[in-house]
Amino acid sequence: MNINRESKLRKNFHQAKWDEEIIFQLHSKGQRGVIPPQTEKEIENKVGDGVSSLPKSMRRENTPGLPEVGQMRVLKHFLRLSQENLGADLNIDIGQGTCTIKYNPKINEVITRSEKA
């Protein structure tokens, strides 16, 4: 790999650019990521259905208009977006200042791995 030692930039570096659709455009009726299991009868008898304990003002009148997308497709979608936007995991030769990155999800990884959290 050719690196210009004066500027530390790769001559052949190209930012990842995907023709990635919006997540709602990936909707395919019937696709699911994770389907939670049915609540066991013993638990349901003890605590109820969960919805009836909510105040009416907090209950949904309509189902949310979320896209139906399989789990692998969702993972690929957000991986591509992260590569386009940050690419920090893939290329450390280009310095990125505060004007470039306003949000750093790496700190979230550190916090979740910490035993103090």
Protein backbone atom coordinates (compact mmCIF):
# COMPACT_ATOMS: atom_id res chain seq x y z
CA MET A 1 0.00 0.00 0.00
CA ASN A 2 1.48 3.34 -1.02
CA ILE A 3 1.49 5.87 1.79
CA ASN A 4 2.66 9.43 1.36
CA ARG A 5 4.87 9.78 4.44
CA GLU A 6 4.56 13.58 4.43
CA SER A 7 0.79 13.65 4.78
CA LYS A 8 0.18 10.08 6.04
CA LEU A 9 -2.60 9.67 3.48
CA ARG A 10 -3.04 6.63 1.30
CA LYS A 11 -2.86 7.56 -2.36
CA ASN A 12 -5.40 4.94 -3.31
CA PHE A 13 -7.87 5.53 -0.45
CA HIS A 14 -11.52 5.71 -1.47
CA GLN A 15 -14.28 6.37 1.01
CA ALA A 16 -16.90 3.60 1.13
CA LYS A 17 -19.89 4.64 -0.95
CA TRP A 18 -22.90 2.39 -1.12
CA ASP A 19 -26.13 2.97 -2.98
CA GLU A 20 -27.95 2.11 0.23
CA GLU A 21 -31.69 2.49 0.42
CA ILE A 22 -33.58 4.00 3.32
CA ILE A 23 -34.63 1.30 5.80
CA PHE A 24 -38.31 1.83 4.95
CA GLN A 25 -37.55 1.03 1.30
CA LEU A 26 -36.24 -2.38 2.37
CA HIS A 27 -39.69 -3.35 3.71
CA SER A 28 -40.84 -6.80 2.62
CA LYS A 29 -44.15 -7.97 4.06
CA GLY A 30 -43.74 -10.92 6.38
CA GLN A 31 -40.01 -10.48 7.01
CA ARG A 32 -39.00 -10.53 10.65
CA GLY A 33 -35.79 -10.08 12.57
CA VAL A 34 -36.53 -11.55 15.97
CA ILE A 35 -39.88 -12.98 17.00
CA PRO A 36 -40.27 -12.99 20.77
CA PRO A 37 -41.75 -16.18 22.22
CA GLN A 38 -45.33 -16.34 23.44
CA THR A 39 -45.66 -15.51 27.15
CA GLU A 40 -46.00 -18.61 29.31
CA LYS A 41 -49.52 -19.10 30.72
CA GLU A 42 -48.25 -19.20 34.32
CA ILE A 43 -46.61 -15.77 33.92
CA GLU A 44 -49.59 -14.34 32.05
CA ASN A 45 -51.98 -15.52 34.79
CA LYS A 46 -49.79 -13.92 37.45
CA VAL A 47 -49.03 -10.52 35.85
CA GLY A 48 -51.66 -10.18 33.13
CA ASP A 49 -51.12 -9.23 29.52
CA GLY A 50 -48.97 -6.18 30.29
CA VAL A 51 -51.04 -3.83 28.15
CA SER A 52 -54.08 -3.60 30.42
CA SER A 53 -51.91 -2.17 33.24
CA LEU A 54 -50.95 0.83 31.07
CA PRO A 55 -53.06 4.00 31.32
CA LYS A 56 -55.30 4.43 28.26
CA SER A 57 -53.45 7.63 27.36
CA MET A 58 -50.24 5.60 26.89
CA ARG A 59 -51.74 2.82 24.75
CA ARG A 60 -51.33 2.80 21.00
CA GLU A 61 -54.43 3.21 18.91
CA ASN A 62 -52.67 1.99 15.76
CA THR A 63 -49.71 -0.26 15.17
CA PRO A 64 -46.45 1.60 14.46
CA GLY A 65 -45.59 1.90 10.77
CA LEU A 66 -42.29 0.08 11.07
CA PRO A 67 -40.67 -1.68 8.12
CA GLU A 68 -40.65 -5.47 8.03
CA VAL A 69 -37.02 -6.38 7.38
CA GLY A 70 -35.06 -9.56 8.13
CA GLN A 71 -32.31 -9.45 10.74
CA MET A 72 -29.40 -10.04 8.32
CA ARG A 73 -30.63 -7.29 6.00
CA VAL A 74 -30.88 -4.84 8.92
CA LEU A 75 -27.32 -5.69 10.02
CA LYS A 76 -25.97 -5.20 6.48
CA HIS A 77 -27.89 -1.93 6.15
CA PHE A 78 -26.47 -0.34 9.30
CA LEU A 79 -22.97 -1.72 8.66
CA ARG A 80 -22.94 -0.01 5.26
CA LEU A 81 -24.20 3.25 6.75
CA SER A 82 -21.49 3.14 9.43
CA GLN A 83 -18.82 2.53 6.77
CA GLU A 84 -20.07 5.45 4.69
CA ASN A 85 -20.37 7.90 7.55
CA LEU A 86 -17.40 7.15 9.75
CA GLY A 87 -15.16 4.42 8.39
CA ALA A 88 -13.05 4.93 11.50
CA ASP A 89 -12.69 1.20 12.07
CA LEU A 90 -11.45 0.62 8.54
CA ASN A 91 -8.97 3.43 8.01
CA ILE A 92 -6.88 5.03 10.74
CA ASP A 93 -4.62 7.02 8.41
CA ILE A 94 -7.00 9.94 7.97
CA GLY A 95 -7.40 12.15 11.02
CA GLN A 96 -10.96 13.07 11.80
CA GLY A 97 -11.50 16.17 13.87
CA THR A 98 -14.46 17.34 15.86
CA CYS A 99 -15.94 18.98 12.80
CA THR A 100 -16.16 15.54 11.15
CA ILE A 101 -17.41 13.36 13.97
CA LYS A 102 -19.94 14.76 16.40
CA TYR A 103 -20.93 11.36 17.76
CA ASN A 104 -18.56 8.56 18.67
CA PRO A 105 -20.22 5.20 19.29
CA LYS A 106 -16.88 3.70 20.41
CA ILE A 107 -17.35 5.24 23.86
CA ASN A 108 -20.62 3.32 24.12
CA GLU A 109 -18.72 0.08 23.50
CA VAL A 110 -16.21 0.95 26.25
CA ILE A 111 -18.97 1.79 28.72
CA THR A 112 -20.94 -1.39 28.05
CA ARG A 113 -17.83 -3.54 28.52
CA SER A 114 -16.98 -1.83 31.80
CA GLU A 115 -17.74 -3.75 34.98
CA LYS A 116 -18.52 -0.41 36.68
CA ALA A 117 -21.63 0.13 34.52
